[in-house]
C-alpha cells in the first residue's frame, strides 16, 4: 500500500506539536508538587478546560474509527451510541455534583479514594482501583490501534508503523509522568479543535461534493441500501442490538468513572463539569 507523503507530514507535525505542548505543561514543576496537583491539577480547572478534556477523553479512536466504520458497514445499528450517551450524561448530571462536593471536602482524587472514605473499606477501594486499571488496558490498546491505522494509511511505505506507535506511546507516557493531568489537558485543546474542524468539514462539504446536498445523499442511500436505515426490532439481531446498547452504557459509566473523564475531580467549581 503506497503511503501519502502529504498526509504523513501533516500527521507528524501534529504529533510533534502535541508532544512539545505535553512536555511544556510540566516545565514549572508545579504539577509534581503533590498527588493532588499531579492527578487532578489542584482542582483549578475551569469549565472551558474541563470541556476540552472531557471531549478529548470521551471521543477517541473508538468514536472516529470504530463507530464510523460500524455506521458505514452496518448502518443504523451505530445509533446505539446515541441513547447510551444520553443515559450516561443524564445520570452524571445528578450524581457528579454530590461526588465533587465529597471529593473536595475530603481531598479525594480517585473513585477508589471515595470508596475508602465513604464505605470505610480498603478491600472495596482496592477492587475498584484494580478493575479501573484493568479496564484501561483495552482502552489504551484501542487508542494505539487508532494511531496505527492512521499511520498505516498515511505512510506505510515511508515509516515503520509499529516502531512509531511504540515511540508515540513512550512519549505520551513520559510527558504525562512529568506534567500530570495538565499535559493531557493542554494537548486535548489541539485535538478538540482538529475534531471540530474535520467534523464540520465532513458534515457540510462531503454531502455537497459527492451528492449535491443532504437530501440527495439520503435518497441515494434509501434507494441503494435501505437495510442500513432500519434498526433491528426483534429476533437475534434485535437482541444483539439491545445487549450492545446495555453493554456500551455500563462500560461508559465504569470507564469514565475511573479515569475521571467527566471532570468531577479536577474541576474548580461544582458547576464546572457536565
Protein backbone atom coordinates (compact mmCIF):
# COMPACT_ATOMS: atom_id res chain seq x y z
CA UNK A 1 0.00 0.00 0.00
CA UNK A 2 1.52 3.30 -1.11
CA UNK A 3 1.56 5.95 1.59
CA UNK A 4 0.52 9.55 1.22
CA UNK A 5 3.55 11.72 1.96
CA UNK A 6 1.48 14.89 2.46
CA UNK A 7 -0.79 13.15 4.97
CA UNK A 8 2.24 11.72 6.73
CA UNK A 9 3.90 15.13 7.07
CA UNK A 10 0.70 16.67 8.43
CA UNK A 11 0.27 13.83 10.92
CA UNK A 12 3.91 14.06 12.01
CA UNK A 13 3.62 17.83 12.51
CA UNK A 14 0.53 17.45 14.67
CA UNK A 15 2.18 14.73 16.77
CA UNK A 16 5.27 16.92 17.24
CA UNK A 17 3.17 19.89 18.36
CA UNK A 18 1.20 17.74 20.80
CA UNK A 19 4.35 16.22 22.32
CA UNK A 20 6.00 19.65 22.73
CA UNK A 21 2.88 21.04 24.43
CA UNK A 22 2.67 17.97 26.66
CA UNK A 23 6.21 18.39 27.96
CA UNK A 24 5.87 22.18 28.19
CA UNK A 25 2.91 21.76 30.53
CA UNK A 26 5.23 20.34 33.19
CA UNK A 27 8.13 22.73 32.82
CA UNK A 28 7.39 24.69 36.04
CA UNK A 29 7.39 21.54 38.22
CA UNK A 30 4.19 22.67 39.96
CA UNK A 31 2.33 19.65 38.65
CA UNK A 32 4.70 17.37 40.60
CA UNK A 33 4.45 19.11 43.96
CA UNK A 34 1.73 16.82 45.28
CA UNK A 35 -0.53 13.94 44.27
CA UNK A 36 -3.45 16.37 44.06
CA UNK A 37 -1.57 18.67 41.69
CA UNK A 38 -0.36 15.79 39.51
CA UNK A 39 -3.59 13.81 39.27
CA UNK A 40 -6.33 16.46 39.34
CA UNK A 41 -4.46 19.70 38.61
CA UNK A 42 -5.02 21.05 42.10
CA UNK A 43 -8.76 21.24 41.28
CA UNK A 44 -8.13 24.50 39.41
CA UNK A 45 -9.67 23.73 36.00
CA UNK A 46 -12.45 25.99 34.83
CA UNK A 47 -15.40 24.98 32.72
CA UNK A 48 -13.64 25.51 29.38
CA UNK A 49 -10.63 23.32 30.24
CA UNK A 50 -12.92 20.63 31.64
CA UNK A 51 -14.95 20.75 28.43
CA UNK A 52 -11.83 20.28 26.30
CA UNK A 53 -10.54 17.42 28.45
CA UNK A 54 -13.89 15.63 28.62
CA UNK A 55 -14.28 15.85 24.86
CA UNK A 56 -10.77 14.58 24.15
CA UNK A 57 -11.09 11.71 26.63
CA UNK A 58 -14.56 10.51 25.72
CA UNK A 59 -14.49 10.89 21.95
CA UNK A 60 -11.43 8.94 20.89
CA UNK A 61 -10.37 6.44 18.24
CA UNK A 62 -13.46 4.40 19.07
CA UNK A 63 -15.72 7.29 18.10
CA UNK A 64 -13.96 8.35 14.92
CA UNK A 65 -12.78 4.96 13.64
CA UNK A 66 -14.75 2.17 15.30
CA UNK A 67 -18.16 3.82 15.43
CA UNK A 68 -17.93 5.41 11.99
CA UNK A 69 -16.86 2.12 10.42
CA UNK A 70 -19.83 0.46 12.11
CA UNK A 71 -22.13 3.09 10.63
CA UNK A 72 -20.56 2.61 7.20
CA UNK A 73 -20.86 -1.17 7.19
CA UNK A 74 -23.95 -1.81 9.35
CA UNK A 75 -25.88 1.43 9.02
CA UNK A 76 -28.37 2.48 11.70
CA UNK A 77 -27.08 -0.09 14.20
CA UNK A 78 -24.45 2.53 15.05
CA UNK A 79 -27.19 4.66 16.61
CA UNK A 80 -26.73 2.63 19.80
CA UNK A 81 -24.09 5.24 20.66
CA UNK A 82 -26.70 7.98 21.00
CA UNK A 83 -29.03 6.52 23.69
CA UNK A 84 -26.23 5.16 25.86
CA UNK A 85 -24.51 8.56 25.81
CA UNK A 86 -27.78 10.26 26.75
CA UNK A 87 -28.34 7.83 29.63
CA UNK A 88 -24.80 8.22 30.95
CA UNK A 89 -24.86 12.03 30.90
CA UNK A 90 -28.34 12.09 32.47
CA UNK A 91 -27.14 10.06 35.44
CA UNK A 92 -23.90 12.03 35.67
CA UNK A 93 -25.82 15.32 35.79
CA UNK A 94 -27.43 14.37 39.11
CA UNK A 95 -24.67 12.22 40.60
CA UNK A 96 -21.42 14.05 39.89
CA UNK A 97 -22.11 17.34 41.76
CA UNK A 98 -22.52 15.39 45.00
CA UNK A 99 -19.41 13.37 44.27
CA UNK A 100 -17.48 16.59 43.59
CA UNK A 101 -18.51 18.01 46.97
CA UNK A 102 -17.37 14.90 48.85
CA UNK A 103 -14.10 14.75 46.88
CA UNK A 104 -13.40 18.42 47.55
CA UNK A 105 -14.15 18.24 51.27
CA UNK A 106 -12.07 15.11 51.87
CA UNK A 107 -9.28 15.76 49.33
CA UNK A 108 -10.10 12.69 47.22
CA UNK A 109 -8.53 12.18 43.80
CA UNK A 110 -9.96 8.84 42.57
CA UNK A 111 -13.08 6.73 42.92
CA UNK A 112 -11.01 4.27 44.94
CA UNK A 113 -10.37 7.07 47.44
CA UNK A 114 -14.09 7.82 47.50
CA UNK A 115 -14.96 4.18 48.23
CA UNK A 116 -12.45 4.05 51.07
CA UNK A 117 -13.78 7.27 52.59
CA UNK A 118 -17.48 6.58 52.05
CA UNK A 119 -17.64 2.89 52.98
CA UNK A 120 -14.52 2.61 55.16
CA UNK A 121 -13.39 -0.42 53.18
CA UNK A 122 -9.85 -0.91 51.95
CA UNK A 123 -10.94 -4.08 50.15
CA UNK A 124 -13.59 -2.29 48.10
CA UNK A 125 -11.19 0.56 47.40
CA UNK A 126 -8.53 -1.88 46.18
CA UNK A 127 -11.01 -3.76 43.97
CA UNK A 128 -12.18 -0.53 42.33
CA UNK A 129 -8.58 0.52 41.68
CA UNK A 130 -7.71 -2.88 40.18
CA UNK A 131 -10.80 -3.01 37.97
CA UNK A 132 -10.13 0.53 36.80
CA UNK A 133 -6.55 -0.28 35.82
CA UNK A 134 -7.64 -3.46 34.02
CA UNK A 135 -10.28 -1.53 32.07
CA UNK A 136 -7.66 0.96 30.99
CA UNK A 137 -5.72 -1.78 29.19
CA UNK A 138 -8.23 -2.31 26.32
CA UNK A 139 -8.88 1.43 26.30
CA UNK A 140 -5.19 2.19 25.70
CA UNK A 141 -4.95 -0.63 23.15
CA UNK A 142 -7.83 0.96 21.25
CA UNK A 143 -6.02 4.30 21.10
CA UNK A 144 -2.82 2.65 19.90
CA UNK A 145 -4.79 0.78 17.24
CA UNK A 146 -6.22 4.10 16.09
CA UNK A 147 -2.74 5.59 15.79
CA UNK A 148 -1.58 2.51 13.92
CA UNK A 149 -4.47 2.67 11.43
CA UNK A 150 -3.91 6.37 10.81
CA UNK A 151 -0.20 5.94 10.20
CA UNK A 152 -0.81 2.90 8.01
CA UNK A 153 -2.98 4.97 5.68
CA UNK A 154 -0.65 7.96 5.78
CA UNK A 155 2.80 6.48 5.42
CA UNK A 156 3.13 2.73 5.06
CA UNK A 157 5.94 2.99 2.52
CA UNK A 158 7.86 5.70 4.39
CA UNK A 159 7.97 4.59 8.03
CA UNK A 160 7.87 1.58 10.32
CA UNK A 161 4.37 1.93 11.74
CA UNK A 162 4.89 -0.36 14.74
CA UNK A 163 8.05 1.48 15.78
CA UNK A 164 6.30 4.85 15.54
CA UNK A 165 3.38 3.61 17.66
CA UNK A 166 5.78 2.39 20.36
CA UNK A 167 7.70 5.68 20.34
CA UNK A 168 4.44 7.66 20.49
CA UNK A 169 3.26 5.64 23.49
CA UNK A 170 6.55 6.22 25.31
CA UNK A 171 6.46 9.97 24.63
CA UNK A 172 2.87 10.29 25.86
CA UNK A 173 3.71 8.27 28.97
CA UNK A 174 6.75 10.46 29.66
CA UNK A 175 5.01 13.82 29.31
CA UNK A 176 2.09 12.55 31.38
CA UNK A 177 4.54 11.44 34.07
CA UNK A 178 6.23 14.85 34.15
CA UNK A 179 3.18 17.06 33.55
CA UNK A 180 0.41 15.15 35.29
CA UNK A 181 -3.13 15.90 34.17
CA UNK A 182 -2.03 19.28 32.78
CA UNK A 183 -0.24 17.64 29.85
CA UNK A 184 -3.29 15.72 28.55
CA UNK A 185 -5.48 18.76 29.21
CA UNK A 186 -3.45 21.17 27.09
CA UNK A 187 -2.97 18.65 24.30
CA UNK A 188 -6.71 17.99 24.41
CA UNK A 189 -7.27 21.55 23.21
CA UNK A 190 -5.39 20.76 19.98
CA UNK A 191 -7.28 17.52 19.49
CA UNK A 192 -10.71 19.04 20.08
CA UNK A 193 -10.07 21.90 17.67
CA UNK A 194 -9.00 19.43 14.98
CA UNK A 195 -12.03 17.25 15.69
CA UNK A 196 -14.44 20.15 15.25
CA UNK A 197 -12.76 21.38 12.07
CA UNK A 198 -12.74 17.93 10.48
CA UNK A 199 -16.25 17.08 11.64
CA UNK A 200 -17.74 20.30 10.28
CA UNK A 201 -15.87 19.81 7.01
CA UNK A 202 -17.22 16.29 6.61
CA UNK A 203 -20.78 17.11 7.63
CA UNK A 204 -21.05 20.22 5.48
CA UNK A 205 -18.83 19.62 2.48
CA UNK A 206 -18.84 15.89 1.73
CA UNK A 207 -22.60 15.57 1.08
CA UNK A 208 -22.41 18.63 -1.18
CA UNK A 209 -19.31 17.46 -3.05
CA UNK A 210 -20.49 13.90 -3.70
CA UNK A 211 -24.30 14.17 -3.69
CA UNK A 212 -25.13 17.88 -4.11
CA UNK A 213 -26.70 18.04 -0.65
CA UNK A 214 -28.01 16.04 2.29
CA UNK A 215 -31.39 15.22 0.75
CA UNK A 216 -29.94 13.64 -2.42
CA UNK A 217 -27.47 11.72 -0.27
CA UNK A 218 -30.19 10.22 1.95
CA UNK A 219 -32.38 9.48 -1.07
CA UNK A 220 -29.50 7.64 -2.71
CA UNK A 221 -28.85 5.65 0.46
CA UNK A 222 -32.53 4.75 0.84
CA UNK A 223 -32.61 3.54 -2.76
CA UNK A 224 -29.36 1.57 -2.87
CA UNK A 225 -29.09 0.23 0.70
CA UNK A 226 -32.42 0.62 2.57
CA UNK A 227 -31.43 -2.06 5.10
CA UNK A 228 -28.84 0.32 6.53
CA UNK A 229 -31.59 2.72 7.65
CA UNK A 230 -33.55 0.20 9.76
CA UNK A 231 -32.86 -0.55 13.42
CA UNK A 232 -33.45 -4.24 14.34
CA UNK A 233 -36.75 -4.65 16.20
CA UNK A 234 -36.70 -8.34 17.14
CA UNK A 235 -35.09 -11.70 16.61
CA UNK A 236 -31.38 -12.39 17.05
CA UNK A 237 -30.38 -9.01 15.62
CA UNK A 238 -32.77 -7.17 17.92
CA UNK A 239 -31.46 -9.00 20.99
CA UNK A 240 -27.89 -8.30 19.88
CA UNK A 241 -28.69 -4.62 19.46
CA UNK A 242 -30.25 -4.37 22.92
CA UNK A 243 -27.32 -6.13 24.58
CA UNK A 244 -24.89 -3.92 22.68
CA UNK A 245 -26.67 -0.81 23.97
CA UNK A 246 -26.67 -2.05 27.58
CA UNK A 247 -23.03 -3.16 27.44
CA UNK A 248 -21.88 0.14 25.96
CA UNK A 249 -23.80 2.09 28.62
CA UNK A 250 -22.29 0.11 31.51
CA UNK A 251 -18.78 0.29 30.05
CA UNK A 252 -19.06 4.05 29.61
CA UNK A 253 -20.08 4.50 33.24
CA UNK A 254 -17.27 2.27 34.54
CA UNK A 255 -14.51 3.62 32.31
CA UNK A 256 -15.49 7.27 32.62
CA UNK A 257 -15.87 6.99 36.36
CA UNK A 258 -12.43 5.57 36.96
CA UNK A 259 -10.49 7.90 34.69
CA UNK A 260 -12.34 11.00 35.95
CA UNK A 261 -13.29 11.76 32.34
CA UNK A 262 -16.32 13.75 33.40
CA UNK A 263 -14.28 16.36 35.23
CA UNK A 264 -15.63 15.68 38.68
CA UNK A 265 -12.28 15.61 40.48
CA UNK A 266 -10.31 18.31 38.67
CA UNK A 267 -12.99 20.95 38.15
CA UNK A 268 -12.62 24.22 40.03
CA UNK A 269 -16.27 24.58 40.95
CA UNK A 270 -19.26 22.32 41.47
CA UNK A 271 -20.86 23.58 38.26
CA UNK A 272 -17.76 23.13 36.02
CA UNK A 273 -18.49 19.57 34.92
CA UNK A 274 -21.29 18.03 32.83
